[in-house]
């Protein structure tokens, strides 16, 4: 169930930023938080704890992409 995945993504990103993470680290935490949310039913069926989001984010890879000029 994808209900709440976007909210959890946003919360993970904001939590990372507020804790001083750089953009890539905050995005990894956002992805980890949103990913946990889709494992339960409804908007609050599964919400990542801080510890879970940080742990899951640590195993995600991120790379920079260059957007070609148009």
C-alpha atoms as a PDB file:
ATOM      1  CA  UNK A   1       0.000   0.000   0.000  1.00  0.00           C
ATOM      2  CA  UNK A   2       1.599   3.266  -1.113  1.00  0.00           C
ATOM      3  CA  UNK A   3      -0.537   5.468   1.148  1.00  0.00           C
ATOM      4  CA  UNK A   4       1.808   7.664   3.169  1.00  0.00           C
ATOM      5  CA  UNK A   5       4.946   6.877   1.164  1.00  0.00           C
ATOM      6  CA  UNK A   6       5.335  10.462  -0.046  1.00  0.00           C
ATOM      7  CA  UNK A   7       4.731  11.891   3.406  1.00  0.00           C
ATOM      8  CA  UNK A   8       7.292   9.498   4.866  1.00  0.00           C
ATOM      9  CA  UNK A   9       9.764  10.395   2.103  1.00  0.00           C
ATOM     10  CA  UNK A  10       9.320  14.099   2.869  1.00  0.00           C
ATOM     11  CA  UNK A  11       9.650  13.508   6.607  1.00  0.00           C
ATOM     12  CA  UNK A  12      12.833  11.506   6.120  1.00  0.00           C
ATOM     13  CA  UNK A  13      14.332  14.223   3.930  1.00  0.00           C
ATOM     14  CA  UNK A  14      13.432  17.015   6.342  1.00  0.00           C
ATOM     15  CA  UNK A  15      14.715  15.047   9.332  1.00  0.00           C
ATOM     16  CA  UNK A  16      18.025  14.534   7.555  1.00  0.00           C
ATOM     17  CA  UNK A  17      18.331  18.214   6.646  1.00  0.00           C
ATOM     18  CA  UNK A  18      17.433  19.315  10.168  1.00  0.00           C
ATOM     19  CA  UNK A  19      20.119  17.002  11.555  1.00  0.00           C
ATOM     20  CA  UNK A  20      22.715  18.580   9.260  1.00  0.00           C
ATOM     21  CA  UNK A  21      22.929  15.931   6.516  1.00  0.00           C
ATOM     22  CA  UNK A  22      24.060  16.957   3.050  1.00  0.00           C
ATOM     23  CA  UNK A  23      21.549  16.650   0.217  1.00  0.00           C
ATOM     24  CA  UNK A  24      22.615  13.150  -0.874  1.00  0.00           C
ATOM     25  CA  UNK A  25      22.448  11.776   2.675  1.00  0.00           C
ATOM     26  CA  UNK A  26      19.066  13.422   3.281  1.00  0.00           C
ATOM     27  CA  UNK A  27      17.740  11.903   0.063  1.00  0.00           C
ATOM     28  CA  UNK A  28      18.985   8.437   1.034  1.00  0.00           C
ATOM     29  CA  UNK A  29      17.179   8.807   4.367  1.00  0.00           C
ATOM     30  CA  UNK A  30      14.065   9.960   2.506  1.00  0.00           C
ATOM     31  CA  UNK A  31      14.148   6.896   0.240  1.00  0.00           C
ATOM     32  CA  UNK A  32      14.655   4.611   3.233  1.00  0.00           C
ATOM     33  CA  UNK A  33      11.725   6.206   5.084  1.00  0.00           C
ATOM     34  CA  UNK A  34       9.398   6.044   2.081  1.00  0.00           C
ATOM     35  CA  UNK A  35      10.402   2.434   1.426  1.00  0.00           C
ATOM     36  CA  UNK A  36       9.456   1.351   4.926  1.00  0.00           C
ATOM     37  CA  UNK A  37       6.074   3.059   4.566  1.00  0.00           C
ATOM     38  CA  UNK A  38       5.007   0.821   1.684  1.00  0.00           C
ATOM     39  CA  UNK A  39       5.495  -2.341   3.744  1.00  0.00           C
ATOM     40  CA  UNK A  40       2.360  -1.712   5.831  1.00  0.00           C
ATOM     41  CA  UNK A  41      -1.298  -0.939   5.206  1.00  0.00           C
ATOM     42  CA  UNK A  42      -2.573   2.614   5.284  1.00  0.00           C
ATOM     43  CA  UNK A  43      -0.783   5.833   6.028  1.00  0.00           C
ATOM     44  CA  UNK A  44       0.545   4.714   9.391  1.00  0.00           C
ATOM     45  CA  UNK A  45       0.762   0.937   9.017  1.00  0.00           C
ATOM     46  CA  UNK A  46       4.569   1.027   8.898  1.00  0.00           C
ATOM     47  CA  UNK A  47       6.611   4.071   9.776  1.00  0.00           C
ATOM     48  CA  UNK A  48      10.397   4.055  10.032  1.00  0.00           C
ATOM     49  CA  UNK A  49      11.972   4.906  13.342  1.00  0.00           C
ATOM     50  CA  UNK A  50      14.930   7.265  13.208  1.00  0.00           C
ATOM     51  CA  UNK A  51      17.298   4.369  13.838  1.00  0.00           C
ATOM     52  CA  UNK A  52      15.733   2.253  11.090  1.00  0.00           C
ATOM     53  CA  UNK A  53      15.809   5.096   8.547  1.00  0.00           C
ATOM     54  CA  UNK A  54      19.454   5.904   9.311  1.00  0.00           C
ATOM     55  CA  UNK A  55      20.464   2.218   9.166  1.00  0.00           C
ATOM     56  CA  UNK A  56      18.618   1.540   5.914  1.00  0.00           C
ATOM     57  CA  UNK A  57      19.911   4.767   4.344  1.00  0.00           C
ATOM     58  CA  UNK A  58      23.495   3.741   5.099  1.00  0.00           C
ATOM     59  CA  UNK A  59      23.307   0.849   2.625  1.00  0.00           C
ATOM     60  CA  UNK A  60      21.856   2.911  -0.231  1.00  0.00           C
ATOM     61  CA  UNK A  61      24.160   4.197  -2.940  1.00  0.00           C
ATOM     62  CA  UNK A  62      23.851   7.618  -4.511  1.00  0.00           C
ATOM     63  CA  UNK A  63      25.558   9.065  -7.523  1.00  0.00           C
ATOM     64  CA  UNK A  64      25.517  12.463  -9.118  1.00  0.00           C
ATOM     65  CA  UNK A  65      23.830  12.854 -12.470  1.00  0.00           C
ATOM     66  CA  UNK A  66      24.690  15.497 -15.000  1.00  0.00           C
ATOM     67  CA  UNK A  67      21.778  16.908 -16.926  1.00  0.00           C
ATOM     68  CA  UNK A  68      22.744  17.828 -20.469  1.00  0.00           C
ATOM     69  CA  UNK A  69      22.163  21.437 -21.488  1.00  0.00           C
ATOM     70  CA  UNK A  70      19.254  21.945 -23.853  1.00  0.00           C
END
